[in-house]
Amino acid sequence: MSLFTYILLGFLIVCAVSVTFSKKLLNSILIFMSYSLVMSIVWMVLESPDLAITEAAVGAGVTSVLFFVTLKKIQAMVGDQHEK
């Protein structure tokens, strides 16, 4: 494997560890998005473009949007409770 692949795998490990120590949900979602994007690059390096496209679309795209919507709903519910 090339040095580029090792750097990508190291970045994946850093992302996975930093998600566990992140205190804010928004930061965790952004780190998850970057993890998915790097994973799609790894799939491209491994010459599997179909998995790379799927990982980019589902992992970084659809799942992240669902996380953002959920985070917005949670914060909206917390805001309503403080007003009463």
C-alpha atoms as a PDB file:
ATOM      1  CA  MET A   1       0.000   0.000   0.000  1.00  0.00           C
ATOM      2  CA  SER A   2       1.132   3.503  -0.662  1.00  0.00           C
ATOM      3  CA  LEU A   3       1.870   6.273   1.792  1.00  0.00           C
ATOM      4  CA  PHE A   4      -1.348   8.027   0.725  1.00  0.00           C
ATOM      5  CA  THR A   5      -3.401   4.990   1.790  1.00  0.00           C
ATOM      6  CA  TYR A   6      -1.697   4.899   5.185  1.00  0.00           C
ATOM      7  CA  ILE A   7      -2.399   8.590   5.687  1.00  0.00           C
ATOM      8  CA  LEU A   8      -6.076   8.028   4.845  1.00  0.00           C
ATOM      9  CA  LEU A   9      -6.319   5.072   7.215  1.00  0.00           C
ATOM     10  CA  GLY A  10      -4.667   7.130   9.944  1.00  0.00           C
ATOM     11  CA  PHE A  11      -7.195   9.898   9.357  1.00  0.00           C
ATOM     12  CA  LEU A  12     -10.010   7.351   9.664  1.00  0.00           C
ATOM     13  CA  ILE A  13      -8.673   6.251  13.046  1.00  0.00           C
ATOM     14  CA  VAL A  14      -8.361   9.865  14.189  1.00  0.00           C
ATOM     15  CA  CYS A  15     -11.959  10.558  13.116  1.00  0.00           C
ATOM     16  CA  ALA A  16     -13.270   7.467  14.890  1.00  0.00           C
ATOM     17  CA  VAL A  17     -11.488   8.329  18.132  1.00  0.00           C
ATOM     18  CA  SER A  18     -12.389  12.023  18.021  1.00  0.00           C
ATOM     19  CA  VAL A  19     -16.106  11.238  17.629  1.00  0.00           C
ATOM     20  CA  THR A  20     -16.023   9.345  20.915  1.00  0.00           C
ATOM     21  CA  PHE A  21     -14.467  12.303  22.746  1.00  0.00           C
ATOM     22  CA  SER A  22     -16.562  15.031  21.125  1.00  0.00           C
ATOM     23  CA  LYS A  23     -18.896  16.798  23.547  1.00  0.00           C
ATOM     24  CA  LYS A  24     -21.055  18.617  20.990  1.00  0.00           C
ATOM     25  CA  LEU A  25     -23.434  16.746  18.715  1.00  0.00           C
ATOM     26  CA  LEU A  26     -22.829  19.089  15.786  1.00  0.00           C
ATOM     27  CA  ASN A  27     -19.100  18.400  15.925  1.00  0.00           C
ATOM     28  CA  SER A  28     -19.787  14.675  16.017  1.00  0.00           C
ATOM     29  CA  ILE A  29     -21.935  14.925  12.893  1.00  0.00           C
ATOM     30  CA  LEU A  30     -19.265  16.899  11.038  1.00  0.00           C
ATOM     31  CA  ILE A  31     -16.585  14.397  12.037  1.00  0.00           C
ATOM     32  CA  PHE A  32     -18.860  11.567  10.869  1.00  0.00           C
ATOM     33  CA  MET A  33     -19.261  13.331   7.520  1.00  0.00           C
ATOM     34  CA  SER A  34     -15.515  13.656   7.120  1.00  0.00           C
ATOM     35  CA  TYR A  35     -15.099   9.992   8.074  1.00  0.00           C
ATOM     36  CA  SER A  36     -17.544   8.978   5.331  1.00  0.00           C
ATOM     37  CA  LEU A  37     -15.851  11.174   2.740  1.00  0.00           C
ATOM     38  CA  VAL A  38     -12.413   9.780   3.573  1.00  0.00           C
ATOM     39  CA  MET A  39     -13.843   6.268   3.477  1.00  0.00           C
ATOM     40  CA  SER A  40     -15.185   6.925  -0.008  1.00  0.00           C
ATOM     41  CA  ILE A  41     -11.698   8.047  -1.072  1.00  0.00           C
ATOM     42  CA  VAL A  42     -10.287   4.831   0.396  1.00  0.00           C
ATOM     43  CA  TRP A  43     -12.777   2.829  -1.681  1.00  0.00           C
ATOM     44  CA  MET A  44     -11.587   4.694  -4.773  1.00  0.00           C
ATOM     45  CA  VAL A  45      -7.963   3.910  -3.935  1.00  0.00           C
ATOM     46  CA  LEU A  46      -8.949   0.257  -3.558  1.00  0.00           C
ATOM     47  CA  GLU A  47     -10.459   0.462  -7.062  1.00  0.00           C
ATOM     48  CA  SER A  48     -14.069  -0.012  -6.016  1.00  0.00           C
ATOM     49  CA  PRO A  49     -15.911   2.994  -7.442  1.00  0.00           C
ATOM     50  CA  ASP A  50     -19.386   1.560  -6.854  1.00  0.00           C
ATOM     51  CA  LEU A  51     -18.775   1.367  -3.104  1.00  0.00           C
ATOM     52  CA  ALA A  52     -17.159   4.809  -3.152  1.00  0.00           C
ATOM     53  CA  ILE A  53     -20.215   6.403  -4.743  1.00  0.00           C
ATOM     54  CA  THR A  54     -22.529   4.589  -2.322  1.00  0.00           C
ATOM     55  CA  GLU A  55     -20.456   5.644   0.685  1.00  0.00           C
ATOM     56  CA  ALA A  56     -20.364   9.257  -0.451  1.00  0.00           C
ATOM     57  CA  ALA A  57     -24.089   9.380  -1.207  1.00  0.00           C
ATOM     58  CA  VAL A  58     -25.378   7.488   1.805  1.00  0.00           C
ATOM     59  CA  GLY A  59     -22.685   8.030   4.427  1.00  0.00           C
ATOM     60  CA  ALA A  60     -21.832  11.667   3.863  1.00  0.00           C
ATOM     61  CA  GLY A  61     -25.039  12.700   2.134  1.00  0.00           C
ATOM     62  CA  VAL A  62     -28.304  11.165   3.270  1.00  0.00           C
ATOM     63  CA  THR A  63     -27.246  10.062   6.752  1.00  0.00           C
ATOM     64  CA  SER A  64     -25.690  13.435   7.565  1.00  0.00           C
ATOM     65  CA  VAL A  65     -28.801  15.276   6.416  1.00  0.00           C
ATOM     66  CA  LEU A  66     -30.914  13.021   8.649  1.00  0.00           C
ATOM     67  CA  PHE A  67     -28.578  13.714  11.569  1.00  0.00           C
ATOM     68  CA  PHE A  68     -28.825  17.481  10.969  1.00  0.00           C
ATOM     69  CA  VAL A  69     -32.637  17.322  10.845  1.00  0.00           C
ATOM     70  CA  THR A  70     -32.718  15.251  14.025  1.00  0.00           C
ATOM     71  CA  LEU A  71     -30.379  17.664  15.766  1.00  0.00           C
ATOM     72  CA  LYS A  72     -32.590  20.575  14.748  1.00  0.00           C
ATOM     73  CA  LYS A  73     -35.684  18.774  16.066  1.00  0.00           C
ATOM     74  CA  ILE A  74     -33.998  17.994  19.382  1.00  0.00           C
ATOM     75  CA  GLN A  75     -32.861  21.578  19.899  1.00  0.00           C
ATOM     76  CA  ALA A  76     -36.352  22.853  18.944  1.00  0.00           C
ATOM     77  CA  MET A  77     -37.914  20.609  21.579  1.00  0.00           C
ATOM     78  CA  VAL A  78     -35.429  21.796  24.216  1.00  0.00           C
ATOM     79  CA  GLY A  79     -36.146  25.430  23.298  1.00  0.00           C
ATOM     80  CA  ASP A  80     -39.908  24.907  23.713  1.00  0.00           C
ATOM     81  CA  GLN A  81     -39.467  23.464  27.204  1.00  0.00           C
ATOM     82  CA  HIS A  82     -37.428  26.450  28.395  1.00  0.00           C
ATOM     83  CA  GLU A  83     -40.059  28.926  27.248  1.00  0.00           C
ATOM     84  CA  LYS A  84     -42.848  27.431  29.405  1.00  0.00           C
END
